[in-house]
Amino acid sequence: MRIDAHQHFWDPTRYSYPWMDGDAMDPVRRAFTPDDLRAALSDGDRTILVQTLSSLAETQEFLSLDADFVAGVVGWVDLTSRAVGDDLDELIDGPGRLVGIRHQVHDEADPEWLQRDDVRRGLAAVQDRGLTYDLLVRAREIPAAVDTVRAFPELQFVLDHIAKPRIADGSDPLWTERLPALAAAPNLAVKLSGMVTEADWAKWTAEDLRPFVEQVVEWFGTNRLLFGSDWPVCLLAASYDDVRTALDTALPTMSPTEKNLLYGGTAERVYHLMPRQSPSGSPHVPG
């Protein structure tokens, strides 16, 4: 049983997605629903559904979805709003299971957005409610992320997409320079996700991912890694199965226990997920 810690749904006929502009996005410019993903999952697999818009309405809809494999939702609230606590409480008390919050920080003009007083007030509200915060940053925003993660030692952070290094270029010196300081924070885990779309979409191989994966494993260790497909964004470059196979190929040698943490155990811990019931009625806990 796996936990895919990063997947999305969307519907361009109902919402406008700024990041979907341009002809290159045509292959994924359609609705993607639970039925579309269910076909790619194996029996017993679970997922974390992650926001795609700065929209409370989208988060509320995600929490109301009828999808038995979705173990939790990483939603969105306006961290800068003075009503952020009330907004969080409403989401927590509603249907579904809110497990975390995310904002597209790398789209903010200010690379120090995370250090704003109003943002920090919002993060404190997230922390007070026992939720997790997903960091969506690139190398540009890592210094502010380092300061933020250190400022909230009781808040569990998860770094999305290994901070989006320039895999297509073969190396990313600024990412290599800055990420170790962020990885040093014990309250931060990292998703091995979103890598195929940072590589050359047309001709990437697992060998292109390997040096970046190996560096992340070295910096974070094996007990703070999560698998994420980034489906259906990944379809721009690879199928769901191709993403999983490429990660297995790019990983350094890992023990069965370490693999179980990567593919489920760490997600259960950092998102405080309920163990899934096995057919016998007893909870299944990854080894």
Protein backbone atom coordinates (compact mmCIF):
# COMPACT_ATOMS: atom_id res chain seq x y z
CA MET A 1 0.00 0.00 0.00
CA ARG A 2 1.39 3.39 -1.03
CA ILE A 3 0.58 6.95 -0.11
CA ASP A 4 1.02 9.35 -3.01
CA ALA A 5 1.68 12.55 -1.06
CA HIS A 6 1.06 14.96 -3.93
CA GLN A 7 -1.70 14.90 -6.55
CA HIS A 8 -4.25 17.34 -7.96
CA PHE A 9 -7.68 17.61 -9.55
CA TRP A 10 -8.89 20.52 -11.66
CA ASP A 11 -11.52 21.64 -14.17
CA PRO A 12 -10.67 24.49 -16.59
CA THR A 13 -14.34 24.84 -17.52
CA ARG A 14 -15.08 26.00 -13.97
CA TYR A 15 -11.94 27.79 -12.81
CA SER A 16 -9.18 29.82 -14.43
CA TYR A 17 -5.68 28.52 -13.66
CA PRO A 18 -2.99 31.18 -14.26
CA TRP A 19 -0.22 28.58 -14.34
CA MET A 20 -2.00 26.76 -17.19
CA ASP A 21 -1.37 29.53 -19.74
CA GLY A 22 0.49 28.68 -22.95
CA ASP A 23 0.26 26.05 -25.65
CA ALA A 24 2.64 23.72 -23.81
CA MET A 25 -0.09 23.08 -21.25
CA ASP A 26 -2.61 21.85 -23.83
CA PRO A 27 -2.16 18.15 -22.90
CA VAL A 28 -3.51 18.79 -19.39
CA ARG A 29 -6.01 21.54 -20.16
CA ARG A 30 -9.06 19.44 -19.37
CA ALA A 31 -10.88 18.24 -16.29
CA PHE A 32 -9.12 15.63 -14.13
CA THR A 33 -11.32 13.86 -11.61
CA PRO A 34 -11.05 11.07 -9.02
CA ASP A 35 -12.18 8.57 -11.64
CA ASP A 36 -9.21 9.51 -13.84
CA LEU A 37 -6.70 8.88 -11.07
CA ARG A 38 -8.36 5.78 -9.66
CA ALA A 39 -7.34 3.81 -12.75
CA ALA A 40 -3.66 4.53 -12.07
CA LEU A 41 -3.72 3.51 -8.41
CA SER A 42 -3.31 0.04 -6.98
CA ASP A 43 -5.73 -1.43 -4.47
CA GLY A 44 -5.17 0.13 -1.07
CA ASP A 45 -3.24 3.16 -2.33
CA ARG A 46 -4.07 6.51 -0.76
CA THR A 47 -3.26 10.08 -1.75
CA ILE A 48 -2.87 13.62 -0.47
CA LEU A 49 -4.91 16.00 -2.63
CA VAL A 50 -3.19 19.39 -2.96
CA GLN A 51 -4.67 22.78 -3.84
CA THR A 52 -4.05 24.33 -7.26
CA LEU A 53 -5.56 27.78 -6.72
CA SER A 54 -5.58 30.54 -4.13
CA SER A 55 -9.21 29.74 -3.52
CA LEU A 56 -11.19 28.82 -0.42
CA ALA A 57 -13.96 27.56 -2.70
CA GLU A 58 -11.62 25.03 -4.33
CA THR A 59 -10.46 23.78 -0.94
CA GLN A 60 -14.05 23.41 0.26
CA GLU A 61 -14.89 21.43 -2.88
CA PHE A 62 -11.86 19.18 -2.42
CA LEU A 63 -12.91 18.45 1.15
CA SER A 64 -16.40 17.51 -0.08
CA LEU A 65 -15.20 15.10 -2.79
CA ASP A 66 -16.38 11.52 -2.71
CA ALA A 67 -13.02 9.79 -3.28
CA ASP A 68 -12.25 6.97 -0.86
CA PHE A 69 -8.54 6.96 -1.67
CA VAL A 70 -7.99 10.62 -0.68
CA ALA A 71 -6.58 10.44 2.85
CA GLY A 72 -6.30 14.18 3.32
CA VAL A 73 -6.37 17.58 1.65
CA VAL A 74 -3.69 20.26 1.62
CA GLY A 75 -5.82 23.31 1.02
CA TRP A 76 -5.45 27.08 0.81
CA VAL A 77 -6.38 29.97 3.05
CA ASP A 78 -5.31 33.59 2.88
CA LEU A 79 -2.52 33.57 5.47
CA THR A 80 -2.48 37.38 5.46
CA SER A 81 -6.16 37.68 6.42
CA ARG A 82 -7.09 38.61 9.98
CA ALA A 83 -9.84 36.01 9.64
CA VAL A 84 -7.37 33.21 8.89
CA GLY A 85 -8.16 31.41 12.16
CA ASP A 86 -11.89 31.44 11.46
CA ASP A 87 -11.29 30.25 7.89
CA LEU A 88 -9.16 27.36 9.12
CA ASP A 89 -11.70 26.38 11.76
CA GLU A 90 -14.49 26.35 9.18
CA LEU A 91 -12.46 24.05 6.91
CA ILE A 92 -11.50 21.77 9.79
CA ASP A 93 -15.09 21.50 11.00
CA GLY A 94 -16.46 20.81 7.52
CA PRO A 95 -16.55 17.58 5.54
CA GLY A 96 -13.43 15.70 4.56
CA ARG A 97 -10.09 15.95 6.33
CA LEU A 98 -7.90 19.03 6.10
CA VAL A 99 -4.30 18.01 6.86
CA GLY A 100 -2.33 21.02 5.64
CA ILE A 101 -2.15 24.40 3.95
CA ARG A 102 -0.16 25.59 0.94
CA HIS A 103 0.40 28.83 -0.95
CA GLN A 104 2.22 29.24 -4.28
CA VAL A 105 5.07 31.21 -2.71
CA HIS A 106 7.28 30.98 -5.81
CA ASP A 107 4.69 33.03 -7.71
CA GLU A 108 4.95 35.98 -5.31
CA ALA A 109 6.96 38.95 -6.58
CA ASP A 110 8.63 39.34 -3.20
CA PRO A 111 11.20 36.56 -2.54
CA GLU A 112 10.86 37.34 1.19
CA TRP A 113 7.07 36.96 1.23
CA LEU A 114 7.31 34.24 3.88
CA GLN A 115 8.95 36.71 6.28
CA ARG A 116 6.08 39.21 6.26
CA ASP A 117 4.45 39.78 9.64
CA ASP A 118 0.96 39.04 8.33
CA VAL A 119 2.14 35.78 6.73
CA ARG A 120 3.83 34.75 9.98
CA ARG A 121 0.58 35.44 11.84
CA GLY A 122 -1.19 33.09 9.45
CA LEU A 123 1.46 30.40 9.88
CA ALA A 124 1.02 30.66 13.64
CA ALA A 125 -2.68 29.93 13.15
CA VAL A 126 -1.80 26.88 11.05
CA GLN A 127 0.58 25.68 13.76
CA ASP A 128 -1.96 26.24 16.54
CA ARG A 129 -4.39 23.89 14.81
CA GLY A 130 -1.90 21.06 14.38
CA LEU A 131 -1.86 21.30 10.60
CA THR A 132 1.13 20.88 8.27
CA TYR A 133 2.41 23.60 5.94
CA ASP A 134 3.59 22.73 2.42
CA LEU A 135 6.40 24.95 1.13
CA LEU A 136 6.26 25.64 -2.61
CA VAL A 137 9.49 27.50 -3.32
CA ARG A 138 12.40 27.62 -5.74
CA ALA A 139 16.03 28.47 -4.96
CA ARG A 140 15.17 32.19 -5.01
CA GLU A 141 12.90 31.86 -1.96
CA ILE A 142 14.97 29.34 0.04
CA PRO A 143 16.67 31.90 2.35
CA ALA A 144 13.26 33.21 3.47
CA ALA A 145 12.06 29.61 3.83
CA VAL A 146 15.06 28.74 6.04
CA ASP A 147 14.30 31.67 8.34
CA THR A 148 10.61 30.74 8.44
CA VAL A 149 11.11 27.07 9.23
CA ARG A 150 13.51 28.00 12.04
CA ALA A 151 11.01 30.55 13.40
CA PHE A 152 8.31 27.86 13.77
CA PRO A 153 10.07 24.81 15.27
CA GLU A 154 6.75 23.29 16.35
CA LEU A 155 5.19 23.53 12.88
CA GLN A 156 5.67 20.58 10.53
CA PHE A 157 6.75 21.78 7.08
CA VAL A 158 6.89 19.74 3.87
CA LEU A 159 8.98 20.96 0.94
CA ASP A 160 7.22 20.32 -2.37
CA HIS A 161 9.04 19.12 -5.51
CA ILE A 162 12.51 19.26 -3.89
CA ALA A 163 12.33 23.08 -4.43
CA LYS A 164 12.17 22.71 -8.22
CA PRO A 165 15.84 22.58 -9.28
CA ARG A 166 16.80 23.15 -12.93
CA ILE A 167 17.02 19.47 -13.82
CA ALA A 168 16.81 20.17 -17.56
CA ASP A 169 20.07 22.14 -17.26
CA GLY A 170 21.84 19.21 -15.63
CA SER A 171 22.75 21.23 -12.54
CA ASP A 172 21.45 24.09 -10.43
CA PRO A 173 24.29 25.76 -8.49
CA LEU A 174 22.04 28.11 -6.49
CA TRP A 175 19.76 25.22 -5.46
CA THR A 176 22.82 23.15 -4.49
CA GLU A 177 24.20 26.02 -2.45
CA ARG A 178 21.00 26.90 -0.61
CA LEU A 179 19.02 23.71 -0.03
CA PRO A 180 21.33 22.10 2.60
CA ALA A 181 20.53 24.90 5.09
CA LEU A 182 16.83 24.22 4.63
CA ALA A 183 17.31 20.46 4.89
CA ALA A 184 19.07 20.96 8.24
CA ALA A 185 15.76 21.92 9.88
CA PRO A 186 14.39 18.85 11.72
CA ASN A 187 10.77 20.00 11.29
CA LEU A 188 10.97 19.80 7.50
CA ALA A 189 10.28 16.80 5.26
CA VAL A 190 10.58 16.76 1.46
CA LYS A 191 8.53 15.38 -1.39
CA LEU A 192 10.40 13.55 -4.13
CA SER A 193 7.89 14.88 -6.61
CA GLY A 194 7.52 17.22 -9.56
CA MET A 195 10.91 16.29 -11.00
CA VAL A 196 9.99 15.05 -14.47
CA THR A 197 8.47 18.42 -15.37
CA GLU A 198 11.65 20.21 -14.27
CA ALA A 199 13.56 17.93 -16.66
CA ASP A 200 13.37 17.96 -20.47
CA TRP A 201 9.77 16.84 -21.06
CA ALA A 202 10.54 15.14 -24.37
CA LYS A 203 13.72 13.21 -23.59
CA TRP A 204 14.30 12.97 -19.84
CA THR A 205 15.51 9.73 -18.28
CA ALA A 206 15.84 8.50 -14.71
CA GLU A 207 19.56 9.22 -14.99
CA ASP A 208 18.74 12.93 -15.33
CA LEU A 209 16.95 12.78 -11.98
CA ARG A 210 19.52 10.67 -10.17
CA PRO A 211 22.06 13.35 -9.08
CA PHE A 212 19.29 15.55 -7.67
CA VAL A 213 17.59 12.65 -5.88
CA GLU A 214 20.89 11.47 -4.42
CA GLN A 215 21.68 14.94 -3.09
CA VAL A 216 18.26 15.25 -1.47
CA VAL A 217 18.58 11.84 0.19
CA GLU A 218 22.03 12.79 1.46
CA TRP A 219 20.84 16.11 2.90
CA PHE A 220 17.51 14.95 4.37
CA GLY A 221 18.24 11.33 5.26
CA THR A 222 15.78 8.53 4.56
CA ASN A 223 13.22 9.23 7.29
CA ARG A 224 12.02 12.59 5.91
CA LEU A 225 11.23 11.62 2.30
CA LEU A 226 7.80 11.33 0.71
CA PHE A 227 6.80 10.01 -2.71
CA GLY A 228 4.58 12.31 -4.75
CA SER A 229 3.44 11.79 -8.34
CA ASP A 230 2.37 15.40 -9.01
CA TRP A 231 -0.35 13.85 -11.18
CA PRO A 232 -1.76 15.11 -13.53
CA VAL A 233 0.95 17.77 -13.98
CA CYS A 234 3.37 14.89 -14.54
CA LEU A 235 1.45 13.86 -17.66
CA LEU A 236 3.20 16.67 -19.51
CA ALA A 237 6.31 14.49 -19.39
CA ALA A 238 5.42 11.03 -18.09
CA SER A 239 2.69 8.62 -17.08
CA TYR A 240 1.91 7.90 -13.46
CA ASP A 241 3.72 4.55 -13.64
CA ASP A 242 6.70 6.14 -15.38
CA VAL A 243 7.09 8.63 -12.53
CA ARG A 244 7.10 5.89 -9.91
CA THR A 245 9.50 3.70 -11.90
CA ALA A 246 11.87 6.60 -12.54
CA LEU A 247 12.05 7.40 -8.85
CA ASP A 248 12.81 3.79 -7.97
CA THR A 249 15.61 3.85 -10.56
CA ALA A 250 17.04 7.18 -9.39
CA LEU A 251 17.09 6.33 -5.69
CA PRO A 252 20.23 5.13 -3.98
CA THR A 253 20.08 1.68 -2.37
CA MET A 254 17.47 1.68 0.39
CA SER A 255 16.31 -0.93 2.87
CA PRO A 256 12.71 -2.21 2.83
CA THR A 257 12.01 -0.15 5.97
CA GLU A 258 13.34 3.00 4.32
CA LYS A 259 11.27 2.33 1.20
CA ASN A 260 8.15 1.87 3.34
CA LEU A 261 8.77 5.26 4.94
CA LEU A 262 9.20 6.91 1.54
CA TYR A 263 6.08 5.35 0.08
CA GLY A 264 3.77 5.84 3.03
CA GLY A 265 5.12 5.89 6.55
CA THR A 266 6.51 9.41 6.47
CA ALA A 267 3.32 10.78 4.90
CA GLU A 268 1.28 9.17 7.68
CA ARG A 269 3.52 10.83 10.26
CA VAL A 270 3.85 14.36 8.88
CA TYR A 271 0.20 14.69 7.85
CA HIS A 272 -1.14 12.85 10.93
CA LEU A 273 -3.08 10.43 8.76
CA MET A 274 -5.35 7.74 10.12
CA PRO A 275 -4.01 4.24 9.36
CA ARG A 276 -6.10 2.64 6.63
CA GLN A 277 -8.19 -0.32 7.69
CA SER A 278 -7.12 -3.65 6.22
CA PRO A 279 -9.77 -6.10 4.93
CA SER A 280 -9.59 -7.88 8.29
CA GLY A 281 -10.62 -4.69 10.04
CA SER A 282 -7.27 -4.06 11.73
CA PRO A 283 -5.24 -0.99 10.76
CA HIS A 284 -2.52 -1.38 8.17
CA VAL A 285 0.65 0.37 9.27
CA PRO A 286 3.61 0.43 6.87
CA GLY A 287 6.60 -1.46 8.23
